[in-house]
């Protein structure tokens, strides 16, 4: 039986070629299967136990796998050159050591106390909006959450900032 007509579908009878185009259809089918074979590539998979397996995939998937492997390799190389080992402290000195001292800890606690007292002087609305801003929300997002105009949110936050700065300037 001959393959379906690939050259001129007009000359089909019951899905098969007429005798005039049979040779053309057979040649087209051969060319098509050769083209399909050339669009495949082999990918090697290496497993943890040391064995390798070779899989034949089409060219599009093979190119994707190759590109992702290249990207992964580049990322690993980049991380290798930009990461520091904790063991390097012995060799590199105090550059990698923790830089907290009792004095720094005391300063952090005092700052936290001052920030808390400054926040306590704000109204609940100002405190809530200022904390949302500190969490990374934009003024428009805060306004949308609070169901107010962006200008009103901005004024409220600016007022909170002024009170906050005034508290630190006075050193209360």
Foldseek 3Di string as FASTA:
>chain_A
DAAFADPDNVQDDPRHHDPVCRVVRVVVVVVVVVVQVVQKDWDWDADPVGDIDIDIDGNVVVVVVVVVVVVVVVVVVVCVVPDDDPVCCVVVPCPPPDDDDPVNVVVVVVVVVLQVVLLVPADPVLSVLLVVVVVPDDLVVSCVVVVHDSVVSVVSPVVSVVSSVVSVVVPD
